[in-house]
Amino acid sequence: MLSEWCNIWQMNVAPKKCELITFFKSRKKNVKSNPLLNISLNGLRLPKCEIIRDLGVIFSSDLSFDSHINSVIRKDSLSNQYVIKCS
C-alpha cells in the first residue's frame, strides 16, 4: 500500500534509509509492544525504532523531547569548549 502511494505520486524512496516509529501517549508502551505492526516498502520491511531524527529534530515514540534536548545541550557544550580553547 505504501509502495503504491509512492508510485502514484512519483515519489522515489530509499527503503534502506527508512525506519518505522510509532507514537504513543503513554511511556509504558513502546514500539516493540506491537509485533503485528510490520510495514514494508518495495518489498523490504522497515525496521522499528524508538527514536528518530527528522529535519534536525529528534522524536521519541513516547513524544518526549528529552533526547532532542540532551542532544542540543551536548552540541552546545562542545562548541563552547572549542570557543574557550581558541580564546
C-alpha atoms as a PDB file:
ATOM      1  CA  MET A   1       0.000   0.000   0.000  1.00  0.00           C
ATOM      2  CA  LEU A   2       2.790   2.437   0.867  1.00  0.00           C
ATOM      3  CA  SER A   3       4.696   1.489  -2.288  1.00  0.00           C
ATOM      4  CA  GLU A   4       1.573   2.075  -4.375  1.00  0.00           C
ATOM      5  CA  TRP A   5       1.079   5.537  -2.868  1.00  0.00           C
ATOM      6  CA  CYS A   6       4.713   6.438  -3.636  1.00  0.00           C
ATOM      7  CA  ASN A   7       4.306   5.233  -7.213  1.00  0.00           C
ATOM      8  CA  ILE A   8       1.092   7.228  -7.742  1.00  0.00           C
ATOM      9  CA  TRP A   9       2.782  10.428  -6.539  1.00  0.00           C
ATOM     10  CA  GLN A  10       6.001   9.592  -8.443  1.00  0.00           C
ATOM     11  CA  MET A  11       7.954   9.660  -5.217  1.00  0.00           C
ATOM     12  CA  ASN A  12      11.209   7.716  -5.097  1.00  0.00           C
ATOM     13  CA  VAL A  13      12.003   6.440  -1.625  1.00  0.00           C
ATOM     14  CA  ALA A  14      15.097   4.558  -0.488  1.00  0.00           C
ATOM     15  CA  PRO A  15      13.723   1.808   1.797  1.00  0.00           C
ATOM     16  CA  LYS A  16      17.189   1.138   3.250  1.00  0.00           C
ATOM     17  CA  LYS A  17      17.205   4.701   4.630  1.00  0.00           C
ATOM     18  CA  CYS A  18      13.720   4.469   6.166  1.00  0.00           C
ATOM     19  CA  GLU A  19      12.647   3.493   9.669  1.00  0.00           C
ATOM     20  CA  LEU A  20       9.292   2.951  11.346  1.00  0.00           C
ATOM     21  CA  ILE A  21       8.314   4.763  14.523  1.00  0.00           C
ATOM     22  CA  THR A  22       5.003   4.563  16.351  1.00  0.00           C
ATOM     23  CA  PHE A  23       3.992   7.359  18.689  1.00  0.00           C
ATOM     24  CA  PHE A  24       2.215   6.642  21.993  1.00  0.00           C
ATOM     25  CA  LYS A  25       0.736   8.907  24.631  1.00  0.00           C
ATOM     26  CA  SER A  26       1.986   6.729  27.467  1.00  0.00           C
ATOM     27  CA  ARG A  27       5.612   5.974  28.334  1.00  0.00           C
ATOM     28  CA  LYS A  28       4.545   2.431  29.287  1.00  0.00           C
ATOM     29  CA  LYS A  29       4.059   1.330  25.676  1.00  0.00           C
ATOM     30  CA  ASN A  30       6.830   1.146  23.139  1.00  0.00           C
ATOM     31  CA  VAL A  31       7.364   0.183  19.511  1.00  0.00           C
ATOM     32  CA  LYS A  32       8.302  -3.389  20.374  1.00  0.00           C
ATOM     33  CA  SER A  33       4.961  -3.978  22.127  1.00  0.00           C
ATOM     34  CA  ASN A  34       3.076  -4.325  18.824  1.00  0.00           C
ATOM     35  CA  PRO A  35       4.540  -7.282  16.907  1.00  0.00           C
ATOM     36  CA  LEU A  36       1.721  -7.154  14.334  1.00  0.00           C
ATOM     37  CA  LEU A  37       2.856  -3.764  13.034  1.00  0.00           C
ATOM     38  CA  ASN A  38       5.076  -4.679  10.089  1.00  0.00           C
ATOM     39  CA  ILE A  39       5.289  -2.192   7.249  1.00  0.00           C
ATOM     40  CA  SER A  40       7.280  -2.827   4.108  1.00  0.00           C
ATOM     41  CA  LEU A  41       8.345  -0.571   1.275  1.00  0.00           C
ATOM     42  CA  ASN A  42       9.257  -2.056  -2.108  1.00  0.00           C
ATOM     43  CA  GLY A  43       9.397  -5.498  -0.520  1.00  0.00           C
ATOM     44  CA  LEU A  44      11.746  -4.518   2.333  1.00  0.00           C
ATOM     45  CA  ARG A  45      10.397  -4.494   5.878  1.00  0.00           C
ATOM     46  CA  LEU A  46      11.070  -1.189   7.623  1.00  0.00           C
ATOM     47  CA  PRO A  47      12.999  -1.565  10.891  1.00  0.00           C
ATOM     48  CA  LYS A  48      11.236  -0.352  14.033  1.00  0.00           C
ATOM     49  CA  CYS A  49      12.882   2.267  16.234  1.00  0.00           C
ATOM     50  CA  GLU A  50      12.036   4.231  19.360  1.00  0.00           C
ATOM     51  CA  ILE A  51      13.945   7.413  18.458  1.00  0.00           C
ATOM     52  CA  ILE A  52      14.195   9.023  15.024  1.00  0.00           C
ATOM     53  CA  ARG A  53      15.710  12.230  13.676  1.00  0.00           C
ATOM     54  CA  ASP A  54      13.852  14.257  11.041  1.00  0.00           C
ATOM     55  CA  LEU A  55      14.978  17.670   9.819  1.00  0.00           C
ATOM     56  CA  GLY A  56      17.309  18.000  12.808  1.00  0.00           C
ATOM     57  CA  VAL A  57      14.633  17.297  15.422  1.00  0.00           C
ATOM     58  CA  ILE A  58      14.815  14.093  17.462  1.00  0.00           C
ATOM     59  CA  PHE A  59      11.420  12.459  18.071  1.00  0.00           C
ATOM     60  CA  SER A  60      10.828   9.612  20.515  1.00  0.00           C
ATOM     61  CA  SER A  61       7.963   7.127  20.493  1.00  0.00           C
ATOM     62  CA  ASP A  62       6.633   8.491  23.811  1.00  0.00           C
ATOM     63  CA  LEU A  63       6.614  12.047  22.386  1.00  0.00           C
ATOM     64  CA  SER A  64       9.064  13.365  24.964  1.00  0.00           C
ATOM     65  CA  PHE A  65      11.777  15.676  23.728  1.00  0.00           C
ATOM     66  CA  ASP A  66      14.357  14.537  26.290  1.00  0.00           C
ATOM     67  CA  SER A  67      16.632  13.035  23.617  1.00  0.00           C
ATOM     68  CA  HIS A  68      16.416  16.163  21.480  1.00  0.00           C
ATOM     69  CA  ILE A  69      17.112  18.493  24.399  1.00  0.00           C
ATOM     70  CA  ASN A  70      20.083  16.386  25.555  1.00  0.00           C
ATOM     71  CA  SER A  71      21.482  16.400  22.022  1.00  0.00           C
ATOM     72  CA  VAL A  72      21.215  20.188  21.758  1.00  0.00           C
ATOM     73  CA  ILE A  73      22.845  20.661  25.175  1.00  0.00           C
ATOM     74  CA  ARG A  74      25.666  18.248  24.248  1.00  0.00           C
ATOM     75  CA  LYS A  75      26.370  20.080  20.963  1.00  0.00           C
ATOM     76  CA  ASP A  76      26.270  23.457  22.689  1.00  0.00           C
ATOM     77  CA  SER A  77      28.700  22.394  25.403  1.00  0.00           C
ATOM     78  CA  LEU A  78      31.103  21.001  22.776  1.00  0.00           C
ATOM     79  CA  SER A  79      31.020  24.243  20.785  1.00  0.00           C
ATOM     80  CA  ASN A  80      31.568  26.263  23.985  1.00  0.00           C
ATOM     81  CA  GLN A  81      34.647  24.165  24.787  1.00  0.00           C
ATOM     82  CA  TYR A  82      36.003  24.879  21.291  1.00  0.00           C
ATOM     83  CA  VAL A  83      35.471  28.640  21.715  1.00  0.00           C
ATOM     84  CA  ILE A  84      37.250  28.599  25.086  1.00  0.00           C
ATOM     85  CA  LYS A  85      40.226  26.702  23.619  1.00  0.00           C
ATOM     86  CA  CYS A  86      40.511  29.167  20.726  1.00  0.00           C
ATOM     87  CA  SER A  87      40.382  32.229  23.006  1.00  0.00           C
END
